[in-house]
Amino acid sequence: MLRSLVLILLIVNALFFGWSRGWLNTVVGVRPDRQHEPQRLNQQLHPEQLLILPPGKTRPVAASEPSSAASAAEDSASFASGVEAAASASSASGNNASTAAATASAPPQPTVCLEAGPFDDAGMTAVNTALSGILPRYKWRTNTVDIKGLWMVYMGPFPDSDTYDRKKAEIRKFKGVSFEEVRTPSNLNPGFSLGRYTRQSDAEAALDNLKERGMRSARLITVRQGGEMNFVRVSEATSDLKERLEKAKLPDKKSFGKCAQR
């Protein structure tokens, strides 16, 4: 059995060898080098037929292809146009980069710290309104501090300049009494301050002493109530912003100035 199988394999190999050499073409009728799908050769691309187009260019499809010379000219023109477009884009990108670098390298504008106040809670409502059209809310902050009260021993206001001058002369007759003119706020103008005190008890004692000496028209004025007050601070104000802040209409005719060290 084994000998028969070996003999069959030898015969098959011999026949295949003879067919592959073409010795059995007339007997079998099938050539070993015959192409069963010759149309594939026509579909294969050759390197000399490849066309490389610039980015963004597509080869137009026409009903009839132009001659090879015309196609080559058109392809050359397309390639040159693509190169020119790429060069223009590169130049524009370089100009933009140069502009951005110049802007980034420009020195920052000098700034100053500005502050206004103090304001009570009612005054802060007016402050918010005044600053809303000048700078965004996150550009300024509110510092709340404890403020001592302030009281003043006051004489006035006087109806005319004659009365004002007469009262000034009377005050000068009292030894050891100092005074200063009061021009603001407007409801106290003109008048005289005979002393300012941060404790109400001290102000009341000074007033009682003056009345005992004959200054019957002197009275006590509360200049500022003690408690928490608000200061508005702009930490980094450019010269342009500083000019606009100085024109802001704040309560009690207050204005922005340099930040105080607290």
C-alpha atoms as a PDB file:
ATOM      1  CA  MET A   1       0.000   0.000   0.000  1.00  0.00           C
ATOM      2  CA  LEU A   2       2.776   2.405   0.927  1.00  0.00           C
ATOM      3  CA  ARG A   3       4.652   1.646  -2.266  1.00  0.00           C
ATOM      4  CA  SER A   4       1.535   2.429  -4.349  1.00  0.00           C
ATOM      5  CA  LEU A   5       1.090   5.849  -2.585  1.00  0.00           C
ATOM      6  CA  VAL A   6       4.722   6.756  -3.173  1.00  0.00           C
ATOM      7  CA  LEU A   7       4.450   5.760  -6.809  1.00  0.00           C
ATOM      8  CA  ILE A   8       1.300   7.914  -7.295  1.00  0.00           C
ATOM      9  CA  LEU A   9       3.002  10.973  -5.732  1.00  0.00           C
ATOM     10  CA  LEU A  10       6.029  10.526  -8.014  1.00  0.00           C
ATOM     11  CA  ILE A  11       3.777  10.367 -11.072  1.00  0.00           C
ATOM     12  CA  VAL A  12       1.791  13.487 -10.001  1.00  0.00           C
ATOM     13  CA  ASN A  13       4.991  15.462  -9.351  1.00  0.00           C
ATOM     14  CA  ALA A  14       6.407  14.399 -12.695  1.00  0.00           C
ATOM     15  CA  LEU A  15       3.241  15.472 -14.505  1.00  0.00           C
ATOM     16  CA  PHE A  16       3.176  18.863 -12.702  1.00  0.00           C
ATOM     17  CA  PHE A  17       6.845  19.420 -13.545  1.00  0.00           C
ATOM     18  CA  GLY A  18       6.264  18.673 -17.198  1.00  0.00           C
ATOM     19  CA  TRP A  19       3.175  20.932 -17.322  1.00  0.00           C
ATOM     20  CA  SER A  20       5.018  23.822 -15.631  1.00  0.00           C
ATOM     21  CA  ARG A  21       7.749  23.527 -18.305  1.00  0.00           C
ATOM     22  CA  GLY A  22       5.215  23.690 -21.094  1.00  0.00           C
ATOM     23  CA  TRP A  23       5.813  20.156 -22.289  1.00  0.00           C
ATOM     24  CA  LEU A  24       2.126  19.245 -21.963  1.00  0.00           C
ATOM     25  CA  ASN A  25       0.580  22.363 -23.568  1.00  0.00           C
ATOM     26  CA  THR A  26      -0.706  20.470 -26.564  1.00  0.00           C
ATOM     27  CA  VAL A  27      -2.081  17.690 -24.385  1.00  0.00           C
ATOM     28  CA  VAL A  28      -3.646  19.677 -21.521  1.00  0.00           C
ATOM     29  CA  GLY A  29      -4.581  22.889 -23.423  1.00  0.00           C
ATOM     30  CA  VAL A  30      -3.858  25.208 -20.453  1.00  0.00           C
ATOM     31  CA  ARG A  31      -0.608  27.190 -20.427  1.00  0.00           C
ATOM     32  CA  PRO A  32       1.055  27.643 -17.046  1.00  0.00           C
ATOM     33  CA  ASP A  33       1.758  31.428 -17.739  1.00  0.00           C
ATOM     34  CA  ARG A  34      -1.765  32.287 -18.934  1.00  0.00           C
ATOM     35  CA  GLN A  35      -3.358  35.384 -17.294  1.00  0.00           C
ATOM     36  CA  HIS A  36      -6.898  34.660 -16.182  1.00  0.00           C
ATOM     37  CA  GLU A  37      -7.610  38.374 -15.466  1.00  0.00           C
ATOM     38  CA  PRO A  38      -5.580  40.421 -17.971  1.00  0.00           C
ATOM     39  CA  GLN A  39      -7.706  43.510 -17.304  1.00  0.00           C
ATOM     40  CA  ARG A  40      -5.828  44.028 -14.019  1.00  0.00           C
ATOM     41  CA  LEU A  41      -2.683  44.982 -15.925  1.00  0.00           C
ATOM     42  CA  ASN A  42      -4.555  47.894 -17.477  1.00  0.00           C
ATOM     43  CA  GLN A  43      -5.716  49.029 -14.040  1.00  0.00           C
ATOM     44  CA  GLN A  44      -2.244  49.110 -12.511  1.00  0.00           C
ATOM     45  CA  LEU A  45      -0.611  52.524 -11.956  1.00  0.00           C
ATOM     46  CA  HIS A  46       2.865  53.269 -13.197  1.00  0.00           C
ATOM     47  CA  PRO A  47       5.186  55.668 -11.324  1.00  0.00           C
ATOM     48  CA  GLU A  48       5.499  57.992 -14.311  1.00  0.00           C
ATOM     49  CA  GLN A  49       1.703  58.435 -14.317  1.00  0.00           C
ATOM     50  CA  LEU A  50       1.476  59.646 -10.691  1.00  0.00           C
ATOM     51  CA  LEU A  51       0.588  63.338 -10.183  1.00  0.00           C
ATOM     52  CA  ILE A  52       1.368  65.067  -6.881  1.00  0.00           C
ATOM     53  CA  LEU A  53      -0.930  68.047  -6.235  1.00  0.00           C
ATOM     54  CA  PRO A  54      -0.442  70.856  -3.671  1.00  0.00           C
ATOM     55  CA  PRO A  55      -2.638  70.861  -0.533  1.00  0.00           C
ATOM     56  CA  GLY A  56      -6.219  71.893  -1.238  1.00  0.00           C
ATOM     57  CA  LYS A  57      -5.991  71.163  -4.981  1.00  0.00           C
ATOM     58  CA  THR A  58      -8.024  68.486  -6.719  1.00  0.00           C
ATOM     59  CA  ARG A  59      -7.558  67.204 -10.218  1.00  0.00           C
ATOM     60  CA  PRO A  60     -10.652  68.117 -12.283  1.00  0.00           C
ATOM     61  CA  VAL A  61     -12.441  65.215 -13.957  1.00  0.00           C
ATOM     62  CA  ALA A  62     -13.290  65.892 -17.577  1.00  0.00           C
ATOM     63  CA  ALA A  63     -15.158  63.857 -20.173  1.00  0.00           C
ATOM     64  CA  SER A  64     -12.075  63.733 -22.328  1.00  0.00           C
ATOM     65  CA  GLU A  65      -8.524  63.894 -20.938  1.00  0.00           C
ATOM     66  CA  PRO A  66      -6.249  66.586 -22.454  1.00  0.00           C
ATOM     67  CA  SER A  67      -3.050  65.711 -24.157  1.00  0.00           C
ATOM     68  CA  SER A  68      -0.096  64.767 -21.949  1.00  0.00           C
ATOM     69  CA  ALA A  69       1.696  68.061 -22.710  1.00  0.00           C
ATOM     70  CA  ALA A  70      -1.347  70.153 -21.746  1.00  0.00           C
ATOM     71  CA  SER A  71      -1.856  68.070 -18.590  1.00  0.00           C
ATOM     72  CA  ALA A  72       1.777  68.576 -17.611  1.00  0.00           C
ATOM     73  CA  ALA A  73       1.466  72.355 -18.102  1.00  0.00           C
ATOM     74  CA  GLU A  74      -1.730  72.490 -16.070  1.00  0.00           C
ATOM     75  CA  ASP A  75      -0.198  70.388 -13.288  1.00  0.00           C
ATOM     76  CA  SER A  76       2.899  72.601 -13.201  1.00  0.00           C
ATOM     77  CA  ALA A  77       0.731  75.716 -12.924  1.00  0.00           C
ATOM     78  CA  SER A  78      -1.303  74.142 -10.117  1.00  0.00           C
ATOM     79  CA  PHE A  79       1.836  73.132  -8.243  1.00  0.00           C
ATOM     80  CA  ALA A  80       3.317  76.645  -8.605  1.00  0.00           C
ATOM     81  CA  SER A  81       0.054  78.188  -7.362  1.00  0.00           C
ATOM     82  CA  GLY A  82       0.078  75.882  -4.355  1.00  0.00           C
ATOM     83  CA  VAL A  83       3.678  76.753  -3.546  1.00  0.00           C
ATOM     84  CA  GLU A  84       2.881  80.479  -3.813  1.00  0.00           C
ATOM     85  CA  ALA A  85      -0.161  80.106  -1.512  1.00  0.00           C
ATOM     86  CA  ALA A  86       1.871  78.174   1.031  1.00  0.00           C
ATOM     87  CA  ALA A  87       4.580  80.837   0.958  1.00  0.00           C
ATOM     88  CA  SER A  88       1.978  83.601   1.472  1.00  0.00           C
ATOM     89  CA  ALA A  89       0.434  81.740   4.407  1.00  0.00           C
ATOM     90  CA  SER A  90       3.859  81.235   5.947  1.00  0.00           C
ATOM     91  CA  SER A  91       4.673  84.931   5.553  1.00  0.00           C
ATOM     92  CA  ALA A  92       1.355  85.984   7.137  1.00  0.00           C
ATOM     93  CA  SER A  93       1.918  83.594  10.013  1.00  0.00           C
ATOM     94  CA  GLY A  94       5.372  85.038  10.545  1.00  0.00           C
ATOM     95  CA  ASN A  95       4.000  88.609  10.589  1.00  0.00           C
ATOM     96  CA  ASN A  96       1.330  87.659  13.135  1.00  0.00           C
ATOM     97  CA  ALA A  97       3.923  85.979  15.320  1.00  0.00           C
ATOM     98  CA  SER A  98       6.136  89.085  15.135  1.00  0.00           C
ATOM     99  CA  THR A  99       3.222  91.346  16.133  1.00  0.00           C
ATOM    100  CA  ALA A 100       2.304  89.088  19.062  1.00  0.00           C
ATOM    101  CA  ALA A 101       5.917  88.998  20.219  1.00  0.00           C
ATOM    102  CA  ALA A 102       6.179  92.793  20.051  1.00  0.00           C
ATOM    103  CA  THR A 103       2.970  93.181  22.081  1.00  0.00           C
ATOM    104  CA  ALA A 104       4.144  90.683  24.680  1.00  0.00           C
ATOM    105  CA  SER A 105       7.505  92.417  25.018  1.00  0.00           C
ATOM    106  CA  ALA A 106       5.958  95.891  25.527  1.00  0.00           C
ATOM    107  CA  PRO A 107       6.574  97.173  29.089  1.00  0.00           C
ATOM    108  CA  PRO A 108       3.470  97.222  31.333  1.00  0.00           C
ATOM    109  CA  GLN A 109       1.888 100.556  32.190  1.00  0.00           C
ATOM    110  CA  PRO A 110       2.747 101.925  35.639  1.00  0.00           C
ATOM    111  CA  THR A 111      -0.069 101.647  38.186  1.00  0.00           C
ATOM    112  CA  VAL A 112      -0.924 103.180  41.552  1.00  0.00           C
ATOM    113  CA  CYS A 113      -3.105 102.075  44.463  1.00  0.00           C
ATOM    114  CA  LEU A 114      -6.153 104.338  44.958  1.00  0.00           C
ATOM    115  CA  GLU A 115      -8.656 104.413  47.804  1.00  0.00           C
ATOM    116  CA  ALA A 116     -11.819 106.309  48.747  1.00  0.00           C
ATOM    117  CA  GLY A 117     -13.899 106.408  51.935  1.00  0.00           C
ATOM    118  CA  PRO A 118     -15.019 105.826  54.545  1.00  0.00           C
ATOM    119  CA  PHE A 119     -18.604 105.008  53.536  1.00  0.00           C
ATOM    120  CA  ASP A 120     -21.438 103.565  55.553  1.00  0.00           C
ATOM    121  CA  ASP A 121     -23.721 100.881  54.120  1.00  0.00           C
ATOM    122  CA  ALA A 122     -26.040 103.456  52.560  1.00  0.00           C
ATOM    123  CA  GLY A 123     -23.078 105.236  50.968  1.00  0.00           C
ATOM    124  CA  MET A 124     -21.816 101.991  49.436  1.00  0.00           C
ATOM    125  CA  THR A 125     -24.989 101.773  47.351  1.00  0.00           C
ATOM    126  CA  ALA A 126     -24.120 105.116  45.757  1.00  0.00           C
ATOM    127  CA  VAL A 127     -20.491 104.008  45.333  1.00  0.00           C
ATOM    128  CA  ASN A 128     -21.562 100.898  43.414  1.00  0.00           C
ATOM    129  CA  THR A 129     -23.645 103.043  41.095  1.00  0.00           C
ATOM    130  CA  ALA A 130     -20.840 105.561  40.520  1.00  0.00           C
ATOM    131  CA  LEU A 131     -18.202 102.927  39.734  1.00  0.00           C
ATOM    132  CA  SER A 132     -20.369 100.627  37.587  1.00  0.00           C
ATOM    133  CA  GLY A 133     -19.717 102.690  34.459  1.00  0.00           C
ATOM    134  CA  ILE A 134     -15.979 103.092  35.086  1.00  0.00           C
ATOM    135  CA  LEU A 135     -14.582  99.623  35.795  1.00  0.00           C
ATOM    136  CA  PRO A 136     -15.904  96.073  36.369  1.00  0.00           C
ATOM    137  CA  ARG A 137     -16.703  94.972  39.908  1.00  0.00           C
ATOM    138  CA  TYR A 138     -13.803  92.506  40.145  1.00  0.00           C
ATOM    139  CA  LYS A 139     -11.314  95.371  39.585  1.00  0.00           C
ATOM    140  CA  TRP A 140     -12.029  96.945  42.965  1.00  0.00           C
ATOM    141  CA  ARG A 141     -12.649  95.638  46.464  1.00  0.00           C
ATOM    142  CA  THR A 142     -14.142  96.823  49.726  1.00  0.00           C
ATOM    143  CA  ASN A 143     -12.169  96.924  52.980  1.00  0.00           C
ATOM    144  CA  THR A 144     -14.227  97.077  56.154  1.00  0.00           C
ATOM    145  CA  VAL A 145     -12.493  98.698  59.144  1.00  0.00           C
ATOM    146  CA  ASP A 146     -13.503  99.816  62.613  1.00  0.00           C
ATOM    147  CA  ILE A 147     -13.777 103.617  62.710  1.00  0.00           C
ATOM    148  CA  LYS A 148     -13.873 105.641  65.910  1.00  0.00           C
ATOM    149  CA  GLY A 149     -16.668 108.127  66.302  1.00  0.00           C
ATOM    150  CA  LEU A 150     -15.943 111.853  66.001  1.00  0.00           C
ATOM    151  CA  TRP A 151     -17.692 114.698  67.845  1.00  0.00           C
ATOM    152  CA  MET A 152     -17.134 118.441  67.547  1.00  0.00           C
ATOM    153  CA  VAL A 153     -17.918 121.373  69.832  1.00  0.00           C
ATOM    154  CA  TYR A 154     -19.326 123.856  67.332  1.00  0.00           C
ATOM    155  CA  MET A 155     -20.610 127.393  66.990  1.00  0.00           C
ATOM    156  CA  GLY A 156     -22.620 128.465  63.964  1.00  0.00           C
ATOM    157  CA  PRO A 157     -23.643 128.603  61.207  1.00  0.00           C
ATOM    158  CA  PHE A 158     -23.897 132.374  61.047  1.00  0.00           C
ATOM    159  CA  PRO A 159     -26.351 134.206  58.769  1.00  0.00           C
ATOM    160  CA  ASP A 160     -23.909 136.824  57.478  1.00  0.00           C
ATOM    161  CA  SER A 161     -20.293 137.905  57.543  1.00  0.00           C
ATOM    162  CA  ASP A 162     -20.891 140.594  60.216  1.00  0.00           C
ATOM    163  CA  THR A 163     -22.218 138.051  62.698  1.00  0.00           C
ATOM    164  CA  TYR A 164     -19.364 135.726  61.779  1.00  0.00           C
ATOM    165  CA  ASP A 165     -16.725 138.377  62.457  1.00  0.00           C
ATOM    166  CA  ARG A 166     -18.372 139.416  65.742  1.00  0.00           C
ATOM    167  CA  LYS A 167     -18.413 135.842  67.049  1.00  0.00           C
ATOM    168  CA  LYS A 168     -14.771 135.368  66.068  1.00  0.00           C
ATOM    169  CA  ALA A 169     -13.822 138.409  68.086  1.00  0.00           C
ATOM    170  CA  GLU A 170     -15.780 137.143  71.104  1.00  0.00           C
ATOM    171  CA  ILE A 171     -14.064 133.733  71.021  1.00  0.00           C
ATOM    172  CA  ARG A 172     -10.639 135.357  70.983  1.00  0.00           C
ATOM    173  CA  LYS A 173     -11.423 137.011  74.311  1.00  0.00           C
ATOM    174  CA  PHE A 174     -11.524 133.617  76.060  1.00  0.00           C
ATOM    175  CA  LYS A 175      -8.069 132.620  77.194  1.00  0.00           C
ATOM    176  CA  GLY A 176      -6.920 129.078  76.416  1.00  0.00           C
ATOM    177  CA  VAL A 177      -9.669 128.485  73.853  1.00  0.00           C
ATOM    178  CA  SER A 178      -8.494 127.493  70.370  1.00  0.00           C
ATOM    179  CA  PHE A 179     -10.776 127.377  67.347  1.00  0.00           C
ATOM    180  CA  GLU A 180     -10.738 126.778  63.613  1.00  0.00           C
ATOM    181  CA  GLU A 181     -13.024 127.802  60.799  1.00  0.00           C
ATOM    182  CA  VAL A 182     -15.521 125.263  59.469  1.00  0.00           C
ATOM    183  CA  ARG A 183     -16.318 125.394  55.730  1.00  0.00           C
ATOM    184  CA  THR A 184     -17.498 121.858  55.066  1.00  0.00           C
ATOM    185  CA  PRO A 185     -20.030 120.351  55.010  1.00  0.00           C
ATOM    186  CA  SER A 186     -22.119 123.118  53.535  1.00  0.00           C
ATOM    187  CA  ASN A 187     -24.754 123.006  56.293  1.00  0.00           C
ATOM    188  CA  LEU A 188     -22.072 124.026  58.819  1.00  0.00           C
ATOM    189  CA  ASN A 189     -20.564 126.849  56.733  1.00  0.00           C
ATOM    190  CA  PRO A 190     -19.640 129.351  58.070  1.00  0.00           C
ATOM    191  CA  GLY A 191     -18.904 128.263  61.616  1.00  0.00           C
ATOM    192  CA  PHE A 192     -16.237 127.534  64.227  1.00  0.00           C
ATOM    193  CA  SER A 193     -14.938 124.322  65.716  1.00  0.00           C
ATOM    194  CA  LEU A 194     -13.893 124.614  69.341  1.00  0.00           C
ATOM    195  CA  GLY A 195     -12.507 121.090  69.515  1.00  0.00           C
ATOM    196  CA  ARG A 196     -12.884 117.608  68.009  1.00  0.00           C
ATOM    197  CA  TYR A 197     -13.067 114.453  70.136  1.00  0.00           C
ATOM    198  CA  THR A 198     -13.103 110.725  69.441  1.00  0.00           C
ATOM    199  CA  ARG A 199     -15.012 110.025  72.676  1.00  0.00           C
ATOM    200  CA  GLN A 200     -18.452 111.482  73.174  1.00  0.00           C
ATOM    201  CA  SER A 201     -17.926 111.847  76.921  1.00  0.00           C
ATOM    202  CA  ASP A 202     -14.846 114.025  76.331  1.00  0.00           C
ATOM    203  CA  ALA A 203     -16.770 116.224  73.909  1.00  0.00           C
ATOM    204  CA  GLU A 204     -19.650 116.668  76.381  1.00  0.00           C
ATOM    205  CA  ALA A 205     -17.236 117.620  79.161  1.00  0.00           C
ATOM    206  CA  ALA A 206     -15.539 120.236  76.925  1.00  0.00           C
ATOM    207  CA  LEU A 207     -18.906 121.691  75.968  1.00  0.00           C
ATOM    208  CA  ASP A 208     -20.004 121.988  79.597  1.00  0.00           C
ATOM    209  CA  ASN A 209     -16.763 123.801  80.423  1.00  0.00           C
ATOM    210  CA  LEU A 210     -17.229 126.344  77.626  1.00  0.00           C
ATOM    211  CA  LYS A 211     -20.814 127.056  78.613  1.00  0.00           C
ATOM    212  CA  GLU A 212     -19.738 127.656  82.175  1.00  0.00           C
ATOM    213  CA  ARG A 213     -17.308 130.251  80.800  1.00  0.00           C
ATOM    214  CA  GLY A 214     -20.072 132.044  78.910  1.00  0.00           C
ATOM    215  CA  MET A 215     -20.206 130.434  75.437  1.00  0.00           C
ATOM    216  CA  ARG A 216     -23.924 129.777  75.515  1.00  0.00           C
ATOM    217  CA  SER A 217     -24.337 129.260  71.753  1.00  0.00           C
ATOM    218  CA  ALA A 218     -21.803 126.397  71.551  1.00  0.00           C
ATOM    219  CA  ARG A 219     -23.278 122.974  70.845  1.00  0.00           C
ATOM    220  CA  LEU A 220     -22.216 119.384  70.194  1.00  0.00           C
ATOM    221  CA  ILE A 221     -22.117 118.044  66.610  1.00  0.00           C
ATOM    222  CA  THR A 222     -21.705 114.366  65.686  1.00  0.00           C
ATOM    223  CA  VAL A 223     -19.275 114.424  62.787  1.00  0.00           C
ATOM    224  CA  ARG A 224     -19.039 110.655  62.430  1.00  0.00           C
ATOM    225  CA  GLN A 225     -20.651 107.738  64.185  1.00  0.00           C
ATOM    226  CA  GLY A 226     -18.326 105.026  65.370  1.00  0.00           C
ATOM    227  CA  GLY A 227     -18.529 101.478  63.991  1.00  0.00           C
ATOM    228  CA  GLU A 228     -17.629  99.558  60.873  1.00  0.00           C
ATOM    229  CA  MET A 229     -17.000 101.676  57.784  1.00  0.00           C
ATOM    230  CA  ASN A 230     -16.092 100.761  54.236  1.00  0.00           C
ATOM    231  CA  PHE A 231     -13.172 101.847  52.094  1.00  0.00           C
ATOM    232  CA  VAL A 232     -13.129 101.243  48.346  1.00  0.00           C
ATOM    233  CA  ARG A 233      -9.726 100.251  46.958  1.00  0.00           C
ATOM    234  CA  VAL A 234      -8.408  99.922  43.390  1.00  0.00           C
ATOM    235  CA  SER A 235      -5.039  98.205  43.780  1.00  0.00           C
ATOM    236  CA  GLU A 236      -3.731  98.711  40.228  1.00  0.00           C
ATOM    237  CA  ALA A 237      -4.970 101.860  38.517  1.00  0.00           C
ATOM    238  CA  THR A 238      -3.348 103.062  35.309  1.00  0.00           C
ATOM    239  CA  SER A 239      -3.041 106.788  34.586  1.00  0.00           C
ATOM    240  CA  ASP A 240      -6.152 106.685  32.398  1.00  0.00           C
ATOM    241  CA  LEU A 241      -8.181 104.854  35.057  1.00  0.00           C
ATOM    242  CA  LYS A 242      -6.889 107.217  37.759  1.00  0.00           C
ATOM    243  CA  GLU A 243      -8.194 110.187  35.787  1.00  0.00           C
ATOM    244  CA  ARG A 244     -11.642 108.608  35.432  1.00  0.00           C
ATOM    245  CA  LEU A 245     -11.822 107.617  39.109  1.00  0.00           C
ATOM    246  CA  GLU A 246     -11.002 111.152  40.199  1.00  0.00           C
ATOM    247  CA  LYS A 247     -14.082 112.327  38.291  1.00  0.00           C
ATOM    248  CA  ALA A 248     -16.401 109.771  39.931  1.00  0.00           C
ATOM    249  CA  LYS A 249     -19.268 111.314  41.925  1.00  0.00           C
ATOM    250  CA  LEU A 250     -18.973 109.694  45.353  1.00  0.00           C
ATOM    251  CA  PRO A 251     -21.137 110.320  48.464  1.00  0.00           C
ATOM    252  CA  ASP A 252     -20.296 113.350  50.670  1.00  0.00           C
ATOM    253  CA  LYS A 253     -18.087 114.728  47.875  1.00  0.00           C
ATOM    254  CA  LYS A 254     -15.361 112.234  48.740  1.00  0.00           C
ATOM    255  CA  SER A 255     -12.757 111.305  46.157  1.00  0.00           C
ATOM    256  CA  PHE A 256     -10.018 108.782  45.443  1.00  0.00           C
ATOM    257  CA  GLY A 257      -6.515 109.264  46.827  1.00  0.00           C
ATOM    258  CA  LYS A 258      -3.440 107.195  47.537  1.00  0.00           C
ATOM    259  CA  CYS A 259      -4.033 104.049  49.568  1.00  0.00           C
ATOM    260  CA  ALA A 260      -3.421 104.416  53.305  1.00  0.00           C
ATOM    261  CA  GLN A 261      -1.304 101.932  55.240  1.00  0.00           C
ATOM    262  CA  ARG A 262      -3.502 100.153  57.784  1.00  0.00           C
END
